[in-house]
């Protein structure tokens, strides 16, 4: 790593490195502010107050985070794209079960969007009659990844057996609905 100035670095690799950014983002790795986390290394890392009050340059600033319950954020006035994000605030609800999430969108209107509702069609149709939301089908990345994995497995004699027992149409029609 070579420092260019107070706000810039250059990273050089010894060999071609696809996915070079993995070490710096998401769940694989992160760049975190030393002045906030230096006192919380090793066994003390779970005690850092900033674990529940993340900092960053994204479109929203965190207001509240309760693990397994809720994340609330407000628009970041310093976001790098003009006139973005489009919403003044966001609130994401976690925990609970899929039917309760569907009910919060379709019947009570408490939330605007629920993703990955693994709920039986009959239950979703009944909830949809509440009039607050509607079911939309989406070509879900997870479902597509699962189908690709099955396709990779499905070469040669084993693939022929998988094709006999796999109902791709049923997977497409039933898996991963969005409300």
C-alpha atoms as a PDB file:
ATOM      1  CA  UNK A   1       0.000   0.000   0.000  1.00  0.00           C
ATOM      2  CA  UNK A   2       1.435   3.360  -1.030  1.00  0.00           C
ATOM      3  CA  UNK A   3       0.198   6.637   0.476  1.00  0.00           C
ATOM      4  CA  UNK A   4      -0.405   9.271  -2.215  1.00  0.00           C
ATOM      5  CA  UNK A   5      -1.796  12.021   0.028  1.00  0.00           C
ATOM      6  CA  UNK A   6      -3.874  12.362   3.213  1.00  0.00           C
ATOM      7  CA  UNK A   7      -6.978  11.016   1.470  1.00  0.00           C
ATOM      8  CA  UNK A   8      -5.561   8.664  -1.191  1.00  0.00           C
ATOM      9  CA  UNK A   9      -3.643   5.416  -1.390  1.00  0.00           C
ATOM     10  CA  UNK A  10      -2.465   3.151  -4.199  1.00  0.00           C
ATOM     11  CA  UNK A  11      -2.629  -0.609  -3.735  1.00  0.00           C
ATOM     12  CA  UNK A  12      -0.214  -2.748  -5.743  1.00  0.00           C
ATOM     13  CA  UNK A  13      -0.487  -6.523  -6.109  1.00  0.00           C
ATOM     14  CA  UNK A  14       2.291  -8.996  -6.926  1.00  0.00           C
ATOM     15  CA  UNK A  15       0.086 -10.955  -9.340  1.00  0.00           C
ATOM     16  CA  UNK A  16      -3.301 -10.593 -11.086  1.00  0.00           C
ATOM     17  CA  UNK A  17      -5.928 -10.286  -8.366  1.00  0.00           C
ATOM     18  CA  UNK A  18      -9.546 -10.597  -9.415  1.00  0.00           C
ATOM     19  CA  UNK A  19     -11.916  -9.562  -6.637  1.00  0.00           C
ATOM     20  CA  UNK A  20      -9.202  -7.362  -5.179  1.00  0.00           C
ATOM     21  CA  UNK A  21     -11.750  -5.198  -3.386  1.00  0.00           C
ATOM     22  CA  UNK A  22     -13.133  -8.087  -1.265  1.00  0.00           C
ATOM     23  CA  UNK A  23     -10.589  -7.386   1.464  1.00  0.00           C
ATOM     24  CA  UNK A  24     -11.985  -3.868   1.887  1.00  0.00           C
ATOM     25  CA  UNK A  25     -15.774  -4.178   1.650  1.00  0.00           C
ATOM     26  CA  UNK A  26     -18.807  -6.098   2.880  1.00  0.00           C
ATOM     27  CA  UNK A  27     -18.659  -9.111   5.140  1.00  0.00           C
ATOM     28  CA  UNK A  28     -15.305 -10.319   3.820  1.00  0.00           C
ATOM     29  CA  UNK A  29     -13.409  -7.254   5.007  1.00  0.00           C
ATOM     30  CA  UNK A  30     -13.807  -3.574   5.760  1.00  0.00           C
ATOM     31  CA  UNK A  31     -11.837  -0.398   6.064  1.00  0.00           C
ATOM     32  CA  UNK A  32     -12.725   0.979   9.481  1.00  0.00           C
ATOM     33  CA  UNK A  33     -11.695   4.228  11.207  1.00  0.00           C
ATOM     34  CA  UNK A  34      -8.702   3.580  13.440  1.00  0.00           C
ATOM     35  CA  UNK A  35      -9.578   6.401  15.829  1.00  0.00           C
ATOM     36  CA  UNK A  36     -12.915   4.701  16.618  1.00  0.00           C
ATOM     37  CA  UNK A  37     -11.789   1.073  16.802  1.00  0.00           C
ATOM     38  CA  UNK A  38      -8.143   1.082  17.959  1.00  0.00           C
ATOM     39  CA  UNK A  39      -9.088   0.444  21.590  1.00  0.00           C
ATOM     40  CA  UNK A  40     -11.288  -2.523  20.605  1.00  0.00           C
ATOM     41  CA  UNK A  41      -9.058  -5.173  19.062  1.00  0.00           C
ATOM     42  CA  UNK A  42      -9.091  -8.921  19.565  1.00  0.00           C
ATOM     43  CA  UNK A  43     -11.471 -10.181  22.247  1.00  0.00           C
ATOM     44  CA  UNK A  44     -12.684  -6.622  22.939  1.00  0.00           C
ATOM     45  CA  UNK A  45     -13.844  -6.091  19.326  1.00  0.00           C
ATOM     46  CA  UNK A  46     -17.467  -6.973  20.134  1.00  0.00           C
ATOM     47  CA  UNK A  47     -17.577  -4.209  22.771  1.00  0.00           C
ATOM     48  CA  UNK A  48     -16.921  -1.317  20.361  1.00  0.00           C
ATOM     49  CA  UNK A  49     -19.825   1.180  20.528  1.00  0.00           C
ATOM     50  CA  UNK A  50     -19.414   1.876  16.802  1.00  0.00           C
ATOM     51  CA  UNK A  51     -20.473  -1.696  16.008  1.00  0.00           C
ATOM     52  CA  UNK A  52     -24.036  -0.452  16.481  1.00  0.00           C
ATOM     53  CA  UNK A  53     -23.455   3.024  14.998  1.00  0.00           C
ATOM     54  CA  UNK A  54     -21.626   2.510  11.695  1.00  0.00           C
ATOM     55  CA  UNK A  55     -19.926   5.368   9.887  1.00  0.00           C
ATOM     56  CA  UNK A  56     -19.377   5.683   6.158  1.00  0.00           C
ATOM     57  CA  UNK A  57     -19.967   7.592   2.951  1.00  0.00           C
ATOM     58  CA  UNK A  58     -23.141   5.846   1.783  1.00  0.00           C
ATOM     59  CA  UNK A  59     -26.475   7.435   0.907  1.00  0.00           C
ATOM     60  CA  UNK A  60     -27.834   7.215   4.477  1.00  0.00           C
ATOM     61  CA  UNK A  61     -26.481   7.977   7.949  1.00  0.00           C
ATOM     62  CA  UNK A  62     -27.462   5.527  10.658  1.00  0.00           C
ATOM     63  CA  UNK A  63     -29.809   6.817  13.336  1.00  0.00           C
ATOM     64  CA  UNK A  64     -30.627   3.589  15.112  1.00  0.00           C
ATOM     65  CA  UNK A  65     -29.632  -0.050  14.928  1.00  0.00           C
ATOM     66  CA  UNK A  66     -31.069  -2.806  17.128  1.00  0.00           C
ATOM     67  CA  UNK A  67     -29.737  -6.227  16.039  1.00  0.00           C
ATOM     68  CA  UNK A  68     -32.513  -8.579  14.955  1.00  0.00           C
ATOM     69  CA  UNK A  69     -35.061  -5.752  15.094  1.00  0.00           C
ATOM     70  CA  UNK A  70     -34.621  -2.480  13.203  1.00  0.00           C
ATOM     71  CA  UNK A  71     -32.235  -0.253  11.261  1.00  0.00           C
ATOM     72  CA  UNK A  72     -33.166   3.395  10.702  1.00  0.00           C
ATOM     73  CA  UNK A  73     -31.270   5.932   8.633  1.00  0.00           C
ATOM     74  CA  UNK A  74     -31.592   9.482   7.332  1.00  0.00           C
ATOM     75  CA  UNK A  75     -30.397  11.021   4.082  1.00  0.00           C
ATOM     76  CA  UNK A  76     -26.669  11.797   4.083  1.00  0.00           C
ATOM     77  CA  UNK A  77     -26.362  15.471   3.026  1.00  0.00           C
ATOM     78  CA  UNK A  78     -22.746  14.820   2.005  1.00  0.00           C
ATOM     79  CA  UNK A  79     -23.543  11.937  -0.336  1.00  0.00           C
ATOM     80  CA  UNK A  80     -21.409  12.131  -3.483  1.00  0.00           C
ATOM     81  CA  UNK A  81     -24.269  11.945  -6.016  1.00  0.00           C
ATOM     82  CA  UNK A  82     -26.402  15.086  -6.429  1.00  0.00           C
ATOM     83  CA  UNK A  83     -30.118  14.869  -5.554  1.00  0.00           C
ATOM     84  CA  UNK A  84     -29.700  11.402  -4.108  1.00  0.00           C
ATOM     85  CA  UNK A  85     -30.833   9.335  -2.374  1.00  0.00           C
ATOM     86  CA  UNK A  86     -34.458   9.700  -3.369  1.00  0.00           C
ATOM     87  CA  UNK A  87     -35.929   9.032   0.083  1.00  0.00           C
ATOM     88  CA  UNK A  88     -35.385  11.267   3.112  1.00  0.00           C
ATOM     89  CA  UNK A  89     -35.203   8.285   5.432  1.00  0.00           C
ATOM     90  CA  UNK A  90     -35.256   4.500   5.476  1.00  0.00           C
ATOM     91  CA  UNK A  91     -36.414   2.023   8.078  1.00  0.00           C
ATOM     92  CA  UNK A  92     -35.735  -1.687   7.735  1.00  0.00           C
ATOM     93  CA  UNK A  93     -37.407  -4.179  10.018  1.00  0.00           C
ATOM     94  CA  UNK A  94     -35.736  -7.480  10.777  1.00  0.00           C
ATOM     95  CA  UNK A  95     -36.493 -10.487  12.875  1.00  0.00           C
ATOM     96  CA  UNK A  96     -39.882 -12.130  12.997  1.00  0.00           C
ATOM     97  CA  UNK A  97     -41.184 -14.556  10.427  1.00  0.00           C
ATOM     98  CA  UNK A  98     -42.070 -14.349   6.732  1.00  0.00           C
ATOM     99  CA  UNK A  99     -45.850 -14.346   7.267  1.00  0.00           C
ATOM    100  CA  UNK A 100     -45.599 -11.412   9.696  1.00  0.00           C
ATOM    101  CA  UNK A 101     -43.444  -9.514   7.180  1.00  0.00           C
ATOM    102  CA  UNK A 102     -46.005 -10.147   4.447  1.00  0.00           C
ATOM    103  CA  UNK A 103     -48.832  -9.031   6.750  1.00  0.00           C
ATOM    104  CA  UNK A 104     -46.966  -5.768   7.599  1.00  0.00           C
ATOM    105  CA  UNK A 105     -46.923  -4.886   3.876  1.00  0.00           C
ATOM    106  CA  UNK A 106     -50.105  -6.430   2.502  1.00  0.00           C
ATOM    107  CA  UNK A 107     -52.607  -5.942   5.337  1.00  0.00           C
ATOM    108  CA  UNK A 108     -51.484  -3.307   7.843  1.00  0.00           C
ATOM    109  CA  UNK A 109     -49.424  -1.104   5.500  1.00  0.00           C
ATOM    110  CA  UNK A 110     -46.860  -0.636   8.280  1.00  0.00           C
ATOM    111  CA  UNK A 111     -44.049  -1.255   5.782  1.00  0.00           C
ATOM    112  CA  UNK A 112     -43.772  -0.631   2.044  1.00  0.00           C
ATOM    113  CA  UNK A 113     -41.701  -3.588   0.909  1.00  0.00           C
ATOM    114  CA  UNK A 114     -40.931  -7.154   1.942  1.00  0.00           C
ATOM    115  CA  UNK A 115     -38.338  -9.290   0.191  1.00  0.00           C
ATOM    116  CA  UNK A 116     -37.807 -13.012  -0.109  1.00  0.00           C
ATOM    117  CA  UNK A 117     -41.184 -14.053   1.247  1.00  0.00           C
ATOM    118  CA  UNK A 118     -41.053 -17.809   1.501  1.00  0.00           C
ATOM    119  CA  UNK A 119     -44.767 -18.048   2.215  1.00  0.00           C
ATOM    120  CA  UNK A 120     -47.314 -20.411   0.659  1.00  0.00           C
ATOM    121  CA  UNK A 121     -49.239 -18.939  -2.291  1.00  0.00           C
ATOM    122  CA  UNK A 122     -52.612 -19.398  -0.579  1.00  0.00           C
ATOM    123  CA  UNK A 123     -51.481 -17.402   2.461  1.00  0.00           C
ATOM    124  CA  UNK A 124     -50.048 -14.603   0.296  1.00  0.00           C
ATOM    125  CA  UNK A 125     -53.230 -14.390  -1.775  1.00  0.00           C
ATOM    126  CA  UNK A 126     -55.342 -14.177   1.383  1.00  0.00           C
ATOM    127  CA  UNK A 127     -53.099 -11.435   2.828  1.00  0.00           C
ATOM    128  CA  UNK A 128     -53.168  -9.550  -0.473  1.00  0.00           C
ATOM    129  CA  UNK A 129     -56.931  -9.094  -0.138  1.00  0.00           C
ATOM    130  CA  UNK A 130     -56.119  -6.642   2.686  1.00  0.00           C
ATOM    131  CA  UNK A 131     -55.725  -4.013  -0.020  1.00  0.00           C
ATOM    132  CA  UNK A 132     -52.539  -2.337   1.268  1.00  0.00           C
ATOM    133  CA  UNK A 133     -50.102  -3.988  -1.152  1.00  0.00           C
ATOM    134  CA  UNK A 134     -49.720  -6.460  -3.973  1.00  0.00           C
ATOM    135  CA  UNK A 135     -47.532  -9.441  -4.800  1.00  0.00           C
ATOM    136  CA  UNK A 136     -44.915  -8.940  -7.509  1.00  0.00           C
ATOM    137  CA  UNK A 137     -42.793 -11.721  -8.939  1.00  0.00           C
ATOM    138  CA  UNK A 138     -39.123 -11.017  -9.374  1.00  0.00           C
ATOM    139  CA  UNK A 139     -36.311 -12.932 -11.022  1.00  0.00           C
ATOM    140  CA  UNK A 140     -34.496 -13.353  -7.749  1.00  0.00           C
ATOM    141  CA  UNK A 141     -30.711 -13.521  -7.740  1.00  0.00           C
ATOM    142  CA  UNK A 142     -30.696 -16.240  -5.091  1.00  0.00           C
ATOM    143  CA  UNK A 143     -33.090 -18.420  -7.078  1.00  0.00           C
ATOM    144  CA  UNK A 144     -31.053 -17.864 -10.234  1.00  0.00           C
ATOM    145  CA  UNK A 145     -27.859 -18.765  -8.358  1.00  0.00           C
ATOM    146  CA  UNK A 146     -29.497 -21.965  -7.109  1.00  0.00           C
ATOM    147  CA  UNK A 147     -30.545 -22.895 -10.640  1.00  0.00           C
ATOM    148  CA  UNK A 148     -27.022 -22.220 -11.935  1.00  0.00           C
ATOM    149  CA  UNK A 149     -25.600 -24.418  -9.174  1.00  0.00           C
ATOM    150  CA  UNK A 150     -27.998 -27.210 -10.147  1.00  0.00           C
ATOM    151  CA  UNK A 151     -27.017 -26.697 -13.786  1.00  0.00           C
ATOM    152  CA  UNK A 152     -23.308 -27.030 -12.886  1.00  0.00           C
ATOM    153  CA  UNK A 153     -24.068 -30.237 -10.994  1.00  0.00           C
ATOM    154  CA  UNK A 154     -26.250 -31.386 -13.847  1.00  0.00           C
ATOM    155  CA  UNK A 155     -23.649 -32.438 -16.423  1.00  0.00           C
ATOM    156  CA  UNK A 156     -23.217 -36.049 -17.540  1.00  0.00           C
ATOM    157  CA  UNK A 157     -25.201 -38.983 -16.113  1.00  0.00           C
ATOM    158  CA  UNK A 158     -25.760 -37.187 -12.783  1.00  0.00           C
ATOM    159  CA  UNK A 159     -27.175 -34.243 -14.710  1.00  0.00           C
ATOM    160  CA  UNK A 160     -29.672 -36.438 -16.483  1.00  0.00           C
ATOM    161  CA  UNK A 161     -30.885 -37.725 -13.118  1.00  0.00           C
ATOM    162  CA  UNK A 162     -31.160 -34.164 -11.735  1.00  0.00           C
ATOM    163  CA  UNK A 163     -33.156 -33.084 -14.802  1.00  0.00           C
ATOM    164  CA  UNK A 164     -35.639 -35.905 -14.237  1.00  0.00           C
ATOM    165  CA  UNK A 165     -36.372 -34.895 -10.638  1.00  0.00           C
ATOM    166  CA  UNK A 166     -36.014 -31.104 -10.912  1.00  0.00           C
ATOM    167  CA  UNK A 167     -39.127 -29.140 -11.827  1.00  0.00           C
ATOM    168  CA  UNK A 168     -37.556 -25.872 -13.011  1.00  0.00           C
ATOM    169  CA  UNK A 169     -40.951 -24.369 -13.846  1.00  0.00           C
ATOM    170  CA  UNK A 170     -42.198 -24.976 -10.299  1.00  0.00           C
ATOM    171  CA  UNK A 171     -39.047 -23.366  -8.901  1.00  0.00           C
ATOM    172  CA  UNK A 172     -39.591 -20.349 -11.144  1.00  0.00           C
ATOM    173  CA  UNK A 173     -43.253 -20.029 -10.175  1.00  0.00           C
ATOM    174  CA  UNK A 174     -42.935 -20.617  -6.426  1.00  0.00           C
ATOM    175  CA  UNK A 175     -39.522 -19.516  -5.207  1.00  0.00           C
ATOM    176  CA  UNK A 176     -38.654 -16.106  -3.798  1.00  0.00           C
ATOM    177  CA  UNK A 177     -41.624 -13.826  -4.233  1.00  0.00           C
ATOM    178  CA  UNK A 178     -41.556 -10.093  -3.499  1.00  0.00           C
ATOM    179  CA  UNK A 179     -44.447  -8.132  -1.980  1.00  0.00           C
END
